[in-house]
């Protein structure tokens, strides 16, 4: 379950990063709406990275706890 969620979060981060790269490498300057979109994607990427880190920590602690109980 946690592995599937981690995979989905990583895929979403990858997709958002790709959109961010495409937007930032456009030849013309970004308008205000595009800049807001970039900022929103960046904030979402940061949130997803925090969630991935939290899930990894939870997974590692769960494995450690199981090892200690055995």
C-alpha atoms as a PDB file:
ATOM      1  CA  UNK A   1       0.000   0.000   0.000  1.00  0.00           C
ATOM      2  CA  UNK A   2       2.673   2.513   1.038  1.00  0.00           C
ATOM      3  CA  UNK A   3       4.837   1.507  -1.943  1.00  0.00           C
ATOM      4  CA  UNK A   4       1.972   2.181  -4.360  1.00  0.00           C
ATOM      5  CA  UNK A   5       1.351   5.575  -2.783  1.00  0.00           C
ATOM      6  CA  UNK A   6       5.060   6.444  -2.956  1.00  0.00           C
ATOM      7  CA  UNK A   7       5.132   5.443  -6.618  1.00  0.00           C
ATOM      8  CA  UNK A   8       2.065   7.570  -7.389  1.00  0.00           C
ATOM      9  CA  UNK A   9       3.519  10.566  -5.556  1.00  0.00           C
ATOM     10  CA  UNK A  10       6.841  10.250  -7.364  1.00  0.00           C
ATOM     11  CA  UNK A  11       5.071  10.042 -10.697  1.00  0.00           C
ATOM     12  CA  UNK A  12       3.074  13.179  -9.880  1.00  0.00           C
ATOM     13  CA  UNK A  13       6.289  14.993  -8.890  1.00  0.00           C
ATOM     14  CA  UNK A  14       7.949  13.901 -12.140  1.00  0.00           C
ATOM     15  CA  UNK A  15       4.971  15.135 -14.170  1.00  0.00           C
ATOM     16  CA  UNK A  16       4.933  18.476 -12.375  1.00  0.00           C
ATOM     17  CA  UNK A  17       8.678  18.931 -12.775  1.00  0.00           C
ATOM     18  CA  UNK A  18       8.356  18.240 -16.492  1.00  0.00           C
ATOM     19  CA  UNK A  19       5.603  20.871 -16.791  1.00  0.00           C
ATOM     20  CA  UNK A  20       7.738  23.291 -14.818  1.00  0.00           C
ATOM     21  CA  UNK A  21      10.719  22.745 -17.119  1.00  0.00           C
ATOM     22  CA  UNK A  22       8.589  23.207 -20.221  1.00  0.00           C
ATOM     23  CA  UNK A  23       7.101  26.443 -18.887  1.00  0.00           C
ATOM     24  CA  UNK A  24      10.445  27.872 -17.823  1.00  0.00           C
ATOM     25  CA  UNK A  25      12.221  27.054 -21.077  1.00  0.00           C
ATOM     26  CA  UNK A  26       9.690  28.771 -23.328  1.00  0.00           C
ATOM     27  CA  UNK A  27      11.189  31.338 -25.663  1.00  0.00           C
ATOM     28  CA  UNK A  28       8.845  34.127 -24.611  1.00  0.00           C
ATOM     29  CA  UNK A  29       8.473  35.615 -21.160  1.00  0.00           C
ATOM     30  CA  UNK A  30       5.814  34.082 -18.942  1.00  0.00           C
ATOM     31  CA  UNK A  31       2.677  36.102 -18.300  1.00  0.00           C
ATOM     32  CA  UNK A  32       1.180  36.550 -14.833  1.00  0.00           C
ATOM     33  CA  UNK A  33      -1.113  33.541 -15.179  1.00  0.00           C
ATOM     34  CA  UNK A  34       1.760  31.276 -16.250  1.00  0.00           C
ATOM     35  CA  UNK A  35       3.874  32.525 -13.344  1.00  0.00           C
ATOM     36  CA  UNK A  36       1.041  31.723 -10.907  1.00  0.00           C
ATOM     37  CA  UNK A  37       0.767  28.245 -12.436  1.00  0.00           C
ATOM     38  CA  UNK A  38       4.515  27.723 -12.052  1.00  0.00           C
ATOM     39  CA  UNK A  39       4.381  28.844  -8.433  1.00  0.00           C
ATOM     40  CA  UNK A  40       1.430  26.547  -7.708  1.00  0.00           C
ATOM     41  CA  UNK A  41       3.246  23.601  -9.321  1.00  0.00           C
ATOM     42  CA  UNK A  42       6.397  24.377  -7.352  1.00  0.00           C
ATOM     43  CA  UNK A  43       4.440  24.494  -4.090  1.00  0.00           C
ATOM     44  CA  UNK A  44       2.723  21.200  -4.976  1.00  0.00           C
ATOM     45  CA  UNK A  45       6.099  19.613  -5.758  1.00  0.00           C
ATOM     46  CA  UNK A  46       7.422  20.724  -2.363  1.00  0.00           C
ATOM     47  CA  UNK A  47       4.323  19.363  -0.613  1.00  0.00           C
ATOM     48  CA  UNK A  48       4.634  16.031  -2.423  1.00  0.00           C
ATOM     49  CA  UNK A  49       8.314  15.751  -1.530  1.00  0.00           C
ATOM     50  CA  UNK A  50       7.435  16.300   2.132  1.00  0.00           C
ATOM     51  CA  UNK A  51       4.737  13.617   1.889  1.00  0.00           C
ATOM     52  CA  UNK A  52       7.171  11.164   0.277  1.00  0.00           C
ATOM     53  CA  UNK A  53       9.697  11.823   3.052  1.00  0.00           C
ATOM     54  CA  UNK A  54       7.009  11.301   5.705  1.00  0.00           C
ATOM     55  CA  UNK A  55       5.897   8.019   4.146  1.00  0.00           C
ATOM     56  CA  UNK A  56       9.480   6.784   3.834  1.00  0.00           C
ATOM     57  CA  UNK A  57      10.126   7.579   7.485  1.00  0.00           C
ATOM     58  CA  UNK A  58       6.925   5.824   8.501  1.00  0.00           C
ATOM     59  CA  UNK A  59       7.877   2.791   6.411  1.00  0.00           C
ATOM     60  CA  UNK A  60      11.407   2.641   7.828  1.00  0.00           C
ATOM     61  CA  UNK A  61      10.180   3.004  11.399  1.00  0.00           C
ATOM     62  CA  UNK A  62       7.577   0.297  10.800  1.00  0.00           C
ATOM     63  CA  UNK A  63      10.227  -2.104   9.504  1.00  0.00           C
ATOM     64  CA  UNK A  64      12.534  -1.293  12.418  1.00  0.00           C
ATOM     65  CA  UNK A  65       9.736  -1.896  14.900  1.00  0.00           C
ATOM     66  CA  UNK A  66       8.922  -5.268  13.296  1.00  0.00           C
ATOM     67  CA  UNK A  67      12.596  -6.276  13.466  1.00  0.00           C
ATOM     68  CA  UNK A  68      12.774  -5.362  17.150  1.00  0.00           C
ATOM     69  CA  UNK A  69       9.655  -7.393  17.918  1.00  0.00           C
ATOM     70  CA  UNK A  70      11.026 -10.528  16.215  1.00  0.00           C
END
